[in-house]
Amino acid sequence: MKQFNLKKNIFIFLITISSLHAEDYFDINFNVVSLFTFEHFFSTEVSYVVDKHNIEIGIPIVYENFIHKRYENSQYNYEQTHLNVDLHINYFFTNSFKNRVFFGIFSRYTYTKGKLENDFRLLKEDKFGMGVQIGIKKMLDESFYLKFSLSLGRYFGANAKFNDNSNLLVSNEKIFFDFELLKLGIIF
């Protein structure tokens, strides 16, 4: 098995960042639907696109906080929190600026806090996972775009299962599937 060489990978990262070109750009996007429909859910992503090599490096963040009320003013009410922070590396198959189809790999750090199934104790858990992604960036004009994608991945290590009726929008299973329906982005 090949060993991870931290110094080499940091060097490659610094070379990539130092070779910024005029065609390269940063962008930020957010989930439009979550802003209007869910009270305690937020999803955004900051990306750097190396246009010369058709590569995008992105850091998506998904945060959800939900208060589960069993009874009004009850000691059995509890809060559930879920935070995902990913590192995506996407490769664009098309050179067209208007429609950019991509395939990518990603790693995911997840923090969860909530009630276990059939138990009133609260659990806090940190998890790490990896996965693959496919999607499209559809340019609306030179500054704005829509992003759609499908992701499939797996967490490694222990995995607690929250209450079935938790109302969490993000999955806590070992294998996860994400569908980004409507992310609006801006290039700067």
C-alpha atoms as a PDB file:
ATOM      1  CA  MET A   1       0.000   0.000   0.000  1.00  0.00           C
ATOM      2  CA  LYS A   2       1.319   3.410  -0.959  1.00  0.00           C
ATOM      3  CA  GLN A   3       2.088   5.728   1.964  1.00  0.00           C
ATOM      4  CA  PHE A   4       0.666   9.241   2.158  1.00  0.00           C
ATOM      5  CA  ASN A   5       3.488  11.763   1.776  1.00  0.00           C
ATOM      6  CA  LEU A   6       2.389  14.983   3.520  1.00  0.00           C
ATOM      7  CA  LYS A   7       5.367  17.103   2.425  1.00  0.00           C
ATOM      8  CA  LYS A   8       4.965  16.080  -1.212  1.00  0.00           C
ATOM      9  CA  ASN A   9       1.203  16.785  -1.195  1.00  0.00           C
ATOM     10  CA  ILE A  10       1.664  20.188   0.472  1.00  0.00           C
ATOM     11  CA  PHE A  11       4.319  21.024  -2.137  1.00  0.00           C
ATOM     12  CA  ILE A  12       1.965  20.036  -4.999  1.00  0.00           C
ATOM     13  CA  PHE A  13      -0.836  22.097  -3.435  1.00  0.00           C
ATOM     14  CA  LEU A  14       1.431  25.165  -3.108  1.00  0.00           C
ATOM     15  CA  ILE A  15       2.622  24.805  -6.708  1.00  0.00           C
ATOM     16  CA  THR A  16      -0.998  24.598  -7.880  1.00  0.00           C
ATOM     17  CA  ILE A  17      -2.032  27.684  -5.906  1.00  0.00           C
ATOM     18  CA  SER A  18       1.057  29.653  -6.971  1.00  0.00           C
ATOM     19  CA  SER A  19       0.350  28.989 -10.649  1.00  0.00           C
ATOM     20  CA  LEU A  20      -2.854  31.046 -10.725  1.00  0.00           C
ATOM     21  CA  HIS A  21      -3.708  32.276 -14.196  1.00  0.00           C
ATOM     22  CA  ALA A  22      -6.037  34.977 -15.436  1.00  0.00           C
ATOM     23  CA  GLU A  23      -8.438  32.259 -16.659  1.00  0.00           C
ATOM     24  CA  ASP A  24      -8.678  30.742 -13.153  1.00  0.00           C
ATOM     25  CA  TYR A  25     -11.402  31.972 -10.843  1.00  0.00           C
ATOM     26  CA  PHE A  26     -13.106  31.589  -7.482  1.00  0.00           C
ATOM     27  CA  ASP A  27     -16.817  31.053  -7.104  1.00  0.00           C
ATOM     28  CA  ILE A  28     -19.326  30.649  -4.327  1.00  0.00           C
ATOM     29  CA  ASN A  29     -22.720  28.972  -4.481  1.00  0.00           C
ATOM     30  CA  PHE A  30     -25.597  28.320  -2.119  1.00  0.00           C
ATOM     31  CA  ASN A  31     -28.670  26.132  -2.066  1.00  0.00           C
ATOM     32  CA  VAL A  32     -31.531  28.411  -3.122  1.00  0.00           C
ATOM     33  CA  VAL A  33     -34.266  26.034  -1.945  1.00  0.00           C
ATOM     34  CA  SER A  34     -32.862  25.841   1.599  1.00  0.00           C
ATOM     35  CA  LEU A  35     -32.986  29.612   1.983  1.00  0.00           C
ATOM     36  CA  PHE A  36     -36.738  29.712   1.427  1.00  0.00           C
ATOM     37  CA  THR A  37     -38.119  26.422   2.729  1.00  0.00           C
ATOM     38  CA  PHE A  38     -36.131  25.225   5.729  1.00  0.00           C
ATOM     39  CA  GLU A  39     -35.696  27.276   8.862  1.00  0.00           C
ATOM     40  CA  HIS A  40     -32.525  25.697  10.236  1.00  0.00           C
ATOM     41  CA  PHE A  41     -30.736  24.386   7.143  1.00  0.00           C
ATOM     42  CA  PHE A  42     -27.926  26.032   5.175  1.00  0.00           C
ATOM     43  CA  SER A  43     -25.767  24.782   2.308  1.00  0.00           C
ATOM     44  CA  THR A  44     -22.949  26.651   0.539  1.00  0.00           C
ATOM     45  CA  GLU A  45     -19.706  25.962  -1.338  1.00  0.00           C
ATOM     46  CA  VAL A  46     -16.568  27.969  -2.106  1.00  0.00           C
ATOM     47  CA  SER A  47     -14.579  26.760  -5.125  1.00  0.00           C
ATOM     48  CA  TYR A  48     -11.414  27.524  -7.017  1.00  0.00           C
ATOM     49  CA  VAL A  49     -11.410  26.578 -10.709  1.00  0.00           C
ATOM     50  CA  VAL A  50      -8.119  25.921 -12.530  1.00  0.00           C
ATOM     51  CA  ASP A  51      -9.563  26.475 -15.993  1.00  0.00           C
ATOM     52  CA  LYS A  52      -6.389  25.495 -17.864  1.00  0.00           C
ATOM     53  CA  HIS A  53      -6.577  21.956 -16.426  1.00  0.00           C
ATOM     54  CA  ASN A  54     -10.414  21.701 -16.195  1.00  0.00           C
ATOM     55  CA  ILE A  55     -10.198  21.143 -12.424  1.00  0.00           C
ATOM     56  CA  GLU A  56     -12.327  22.550  -9.614  1.00  0.00           C
ATOM     57  CA  ILE A  57     -11.342  22.387  -5.941  1.00  0.00           C
ATOM     58  CA  GLY A  58     -14.339  23.044  -3.713  1.00  0.00           C
ATOM     59  CA  ILE A  59     -15.210  23.173  -0.025  1.00  0.00           C
ATOM     60  CA  PRO A  60     -18.958  22.630   0.490  1.00  0.00           C
ATOM     61  CA  ILE A  61     -20.511  23.131   3.925  1.00  0.00           C
ATOM     62  CA  VAL A  62     -23.927  21.825   4.986  1.00  0.00           C
ATOM     63  CA  TYR A  63     -25.364  22.763   8.385  1.00  0.00           C
ATOM     64  CA  GLU A  64     -28.662  21.648   9.867  1.00  0.00           C
ATOM     65  CA  ASN A  65     -30.067  22.242  13.335  1.00  0.00           C
ATOM     66  CA  PHE A  66     -33.453  20.868  14.324  1.00  0.00           C
ATOM     67  CA  ILE A  67     -35.268  20.965  17.676  1.00  0.00           C
ATOM     68  CA  HIS A  68     -37.405  17.881  18.164  1.00  0.00           C
ATOM     69  CA  LYS A  69     -40.361  18.615  20.428  1.00  0.00           C
ATOM     70  CA  ARG A  70     -42.000  15.542  21.875  1.00  0.00           C
ATOM     71  CA  TYR A  71     -44.157  17.573  24.226  1.00  0.00           C
ATOM     72  CA  GLU A  72     -44.406  21.287  24.922  1.00  0.00           C
ATOM     73  CA  ASN A  73     -41.935  22.357  27.666  1.00  0.00           C
ATOM     74  CA  SER A  74     -40.783  18.785  28.207  1.00  0.00           C
ATOM     75  CA  GLN A  75     -37.471  17.390  29.399  1.00  0.00           C
ATOM     76  CA  TYR A  76     -37.752  14.925  26.499  1.00  0.00           C
ATOM     77  CA  ASN A  77     -37.355  17.660  23.883  1.00  0.00           C
ATOM     78  CA  TYR A  78     -33.933  17.591  22.274  1.00  0.00           C
ATOM     79  CA  GLU A  79     -31.879  19.230  19.580  1.00  0.00           C
ATOM     80  CA  GLN A  80     -30.191  17.528  16.635  1.00  0.00           C
ATOM     81  CA  THR A  81     -27.271  19.073  14.783  1.00  0.00           C
ATOM     82  CA  HIS A  82     -25.509  17.911  11.660  1.00  0.00           C
ATOM     83  CA  LEU A  83     -22.502  19.568   9.997  1.00  0.00           C
ATOM     84  CA  ASN A  84     -20.725  18.357   6.836  1.00  0.00           C
ATOM     85  CA  VAL A  85     -17.489  19.898   5.578  1.00  0.00           C
ATOM     86  CA  ASP A  86     -16.228  18.382   2.316  1.00  0.00           C
ATOM     87  CA  LEU A  87     -13.195  18.743   0.098  1.00  0.00           C
ATOM     88  CA  HIS A  88     -14.154  18.139  -3.563  1.00  0.00           C
ATOM     89  CA  ILE A  89     -11.844  17.737  -6.541  1.00  0.00           C
ATOM     90  CA  ASN A  90     -13.864  17.780  -9.764  1.00  0.00           C
ATOM     91  CA  TYR A  91     -12.697  17.258 -13.313  1.00  0.00           C
ATOM     92  CA  PHE A  92     -14.671  18.948 -16.123  1.00  0.00           C
ATOM     93  CA  PHE A  93     -15.211  16.699 -19.163  1.00  0.00           C
ATOM     94  CA  THR A  94     -16.309  19.589 -21.366  1.00  0.00           C
ATOM     95  CA  ASN A  95     -14.347  22.704 -22.220  1.00  0.00           C
ATOM     96  CA  SER A  96     -17.511  24.664 -22.965  1.00  0.00           C
ATOM     97  CA  PHE A  97     -17.966  27.508 -20.508  1.00  0.00           C
ATOM     98  CA  LYS A  98     -21.785  27.325 -20.837  1.00  0.00           C
ATOM     99  CA  ASN A  99     -22.313  23.698 -19.759  1.00  0.00           C
ATOM    100  CA  ARG A 100     -19.567  22.025 -17.756  1.00  0.00           C
ATOM    101  CA  VAL A 101     -20.167  18.339 -16.998  1.00  0.00           C
ATOM    102  CA  PHE A 102     -17.910  17.067 -14.207  1.00  0.00           C
ATOM    103  CA  PHE A 103     -16.870  13.965 -12.303  1.00  0.00           C
ATOM    104  CA  GLY A 104     -15.199  14.211  -8.922  1.00  0.00           C
ATOM    105  CA  ILE A 105     -13.975  12.589  -5.764  1.00  0.00           C
ATOM    106  CA  PHE A 106     -14.382  14.002  -2.290  1.00  0.00           C
ATOM    107  CA  SER A 107     -13.669  13.497   1.379  1.00  0.00           C
ATOM    108  CA  ARG A 108     -16.186  14.428   4.072  1.00  0.00           C
ATOM    109  CA  TYR A 109     -15.900  15.346   7.731  1.00  0.00           C
ATOM    110  CA  THR A 110     -19.207  15.111   9.613  1.00  0.00           C
ATOM    111  CA  TYR A 111     -20.129  16.261  13.101  1.00  0.00           C
ATOM    112  CA  THR A 112     -23.416  14.962  14.459  1.00  0.00           C
ATOM    113  CA  LYS A 113     -25.137  15.514  17.763  1.00  0.00           C
ATOM    114  CA  GLY A 114     -28.508  14.112  18.718  1.00  0.00           C
ATOM    115  CA  LYS A 115     -30.574  11.457  20.396  1.00  0.00           C
ATOM    116  CA  LEU A 116     -29.873   7.785  19.785  1.00  0.00           C
ATOM    117  CA  GLU A 117     -32.650   5.418  18.744  1.00  0.00           C
ATOM    118  CA  ASN A 118     -34.745   4.225  21.714  1.00  0.00           C
ATOM    119  CA  ASP A 119     -32.574   6.174  24.136  1.00  0.00           C
ATOM    120  CA  PHE A 120     -32.758   9.653  25.659  1.00  0.00           C
ATOM    121  CA  ARG A 121     -28.995  10.174  25.900  1.00  0.00           C
ATOM    122  CA  LEU A 122     -27.369  12.680  23.555  1.00  0.00           C
ATOM    123  CA  LEU A 123     -24.453  11.539  21.418  1.00  0.00           C
ATOM    124  CA  LYS A 124     -21.760  13.621  19.764  1.00  0.00           C
ATOM    125  CA  GLU A 125     -19.860  11.974  16.956  1.00  0.00           C
ATOM    126  CA  ASP A 126     -17.163  12.914  14.433  1.00  0.00           C
ATOM    127  CA  LYS A 127     -16.951  10.857  11.237  1.00  0.00           C
ATOM    128  CA  PHE A 128     -14.892  10.747   8.070  1.00  0.00           C
ATOM    129  CA  GLY A 129     -16.084   9.530   4.687  1.00  0.00           C
ATOM    130  CA  MET A 130     -15.196   9.485   1.006  1.00  0.00           C
ATOM    131  CA  GLY A 131     -17.188   9.404  -2.202  1.00  0.00           C
ATOM    132  CA  VAL A 132     -17.673  10.189  -5.873  1.00  0.00           C
ATOM    133  CA  GLN A 133     -19.737  12.871  -7.558  1.00  0.00           C
ATOM    134  CA  ILE A 134     -21.104  13.653 -11.016  1.00  0.00           C
ATOM    135  CA  GLY A 135     -22.852  16.831 -12.063  1.00  0.00           C
ATOM    136  CA  ILE A 136     -23.160  19.853 -14.307  1.00  0.00           C
ATOM    137  CA  LYS A 137     -22.529  23.581 -13.997  1.00  0.00           C
ATOM    138  CA  LYS A 138     -24.947  25.450 -16.256  1.00  0.00           C
ATOM    139  CA  MET A 139     -23.824  29.035 -16.890  1.00  0.00           C
ATOM    140  CA  LEU A 140     -26.619  31.624 -16.893  1.00  0.00           C
ATOM    141  CA  ASP A 141     -24.267  34.411 -18.024  1.00  0.00           C
ATOM    142  CA  GLU A 142     -20.578  35.206 -17.429  1.00  0.00           C
ATOM    143  CA  SER A 143     -21.002  35.640 -13.670  1.00  0.00           C
ATOM    144  CA  PHE A 144     -23.875  33.390 -12.535  1.00  0.00           C
ATOM    145  CA  TYR A 145     -24.436  29.647 -12.798  1.00  0.00           C
ATOM    146  CA  LEU A 146     -26.665  26.814 -11.590  1.00  0.00           C
ATOM    147  CA  LYS A 147     -25.142  23.606 -10.270  1.00  0.00           C
ATOM    148  CA  PHE A 148     -26.759  20.165 -10.155  1.00  0.00           C
ATOM    149  CA  SER A 149     -25.013  17.031  -8.873  1.00  0.00           C
ATOM    150  CA  LEU A 150     -25.333  13.505  -7.496  1.00  0.00           C
ATOM    151  CA  SER A 151     -22.932  12.170  -4.851  1.00  0.00           C
ATOM    152  CA  LEU A 152     -22.461   8.703  -3.441  1.00  0.00           C
ATOM    153  CA  GLY A 153     -20.131   7.942  -0.554  1.00  0.00           C
ATOM    154  CA  ARG A 154     -19.407   5.948   2.568  1.00  0.00           C
ATOM    155  CA  TYR A 155     -18.427   6.765   6.130  1.00  0.00           C
ATOM    156  CA  PHE A 156     -15.634   4.790   7.775  1.00  0.00           C
ATOM    157  CA  GLY A 157     -15.692   3.622  11.391  1.00  0.00           C
ATOM    158  CA  ALA A 158     -18.526   3.634  13.933  1.00  0.00           C
ATOM    159  CA  ASN A 159     -21.898   5.055  12.954  1.00  0.00           C
ATOM    160  CA  ALA A 160     -24.693   5.961  15.375  1.00  0.00           C
ATOM    161  CA  LYS A 161     -28.262   5.903  14.123  1.00  0.00           C
ATOM    162  CA  PHE A 162     -30.478   8.725  15.235  1.00  0.00           C
ATOM    163  CA  ASN A 163     -34.173   8.456  15.914  1.00  0.00           C
ATOM    164  CA  ASP A 164     -36.078   7.375  12.771  1.00  0.00           C
ATOM    165  CA  ASN A 165     -38.369  10.403  12.945  1.00  0.00           C
ATOM    166  CA  SER A 166     -35.476  12.798  13.426  1.00  0.00           C
ATOM    167  CA  ASN A 167     -36.535  15.081  10.532  1.00  0.00           C
ATOM    168  CA  LEU A 168     -32.878  15.569   9.617  1.00  0.00           C
ATOM    169  CA  LEU A 169     -32.503  16.289   5.913  1.00  0.00           C
ATOM    170  CA  VAL A 170     -28.950  14.958   5.736  1.00  0.00           C
ATOM    171  CA  SER A 171     -28.292  11.253   6.101  1.00  0.00           C
ATOM    172  CA  ASN A 172     -26.573   9.606   9.051  1.00  0.00           C
ATOM    173  CA  GLU A 173     -26.218   6.171   7.419  1.00  0.00           C
ATOM    174  CA  LYS A 174     -22.873   4.514   6.613  1.00  0.00           C
ATOM    175  CA  ILE A 175     -23.565   4.872   2.891  1.00  0.00           C
ATOM    176  CA  PHE A 176     -24.853   8.293   1.891  1.00  0.00           C
ATOM    177  CA  PHE A 177     -26.422   9.704  -1.251  1.00  0.00           C
ATOM    178  CA  ASP A 178     -26.659  13.458  -1.872  1.00  0.00           C
ATOM    179  CA  PHE A 179     -28.653  15.180  -4.581  1.00  0.00           C
ATOM    180  CA  GLU A 180     -27.980  18.885  -5.174  1.00  0.00           C
ATOM    181  CA  LEU A 181     -30.990  20.153  -7.022  1.00  0.00           C
ATOM    182  CA  LEU A 182     -30.549  23.875  -7.331  1.00  0.00           C
ATOM    183  CA  LYS A 183     -27.392  25.661  -6.267  1.00  0.00           C
ATOM    184  CA  LEU A 184     -26.995  29.228  -7.507  1.00  0.00           C
ATOM    185  CA  GLY A 185     -23.417  30.424  -7.863  1.00  0.00           C
ATOM    186  CA  ILE A 186     -21.479  33.550  -8.674  1.00  0.00           C
ATOM    187  CA  ILE A 187     -17.999  33.790 -10.177  1.00  0.00           C
ATOM    188  CA  PHE A 188     -15.560  36.435  -8.961  1.00  0.00           C
END
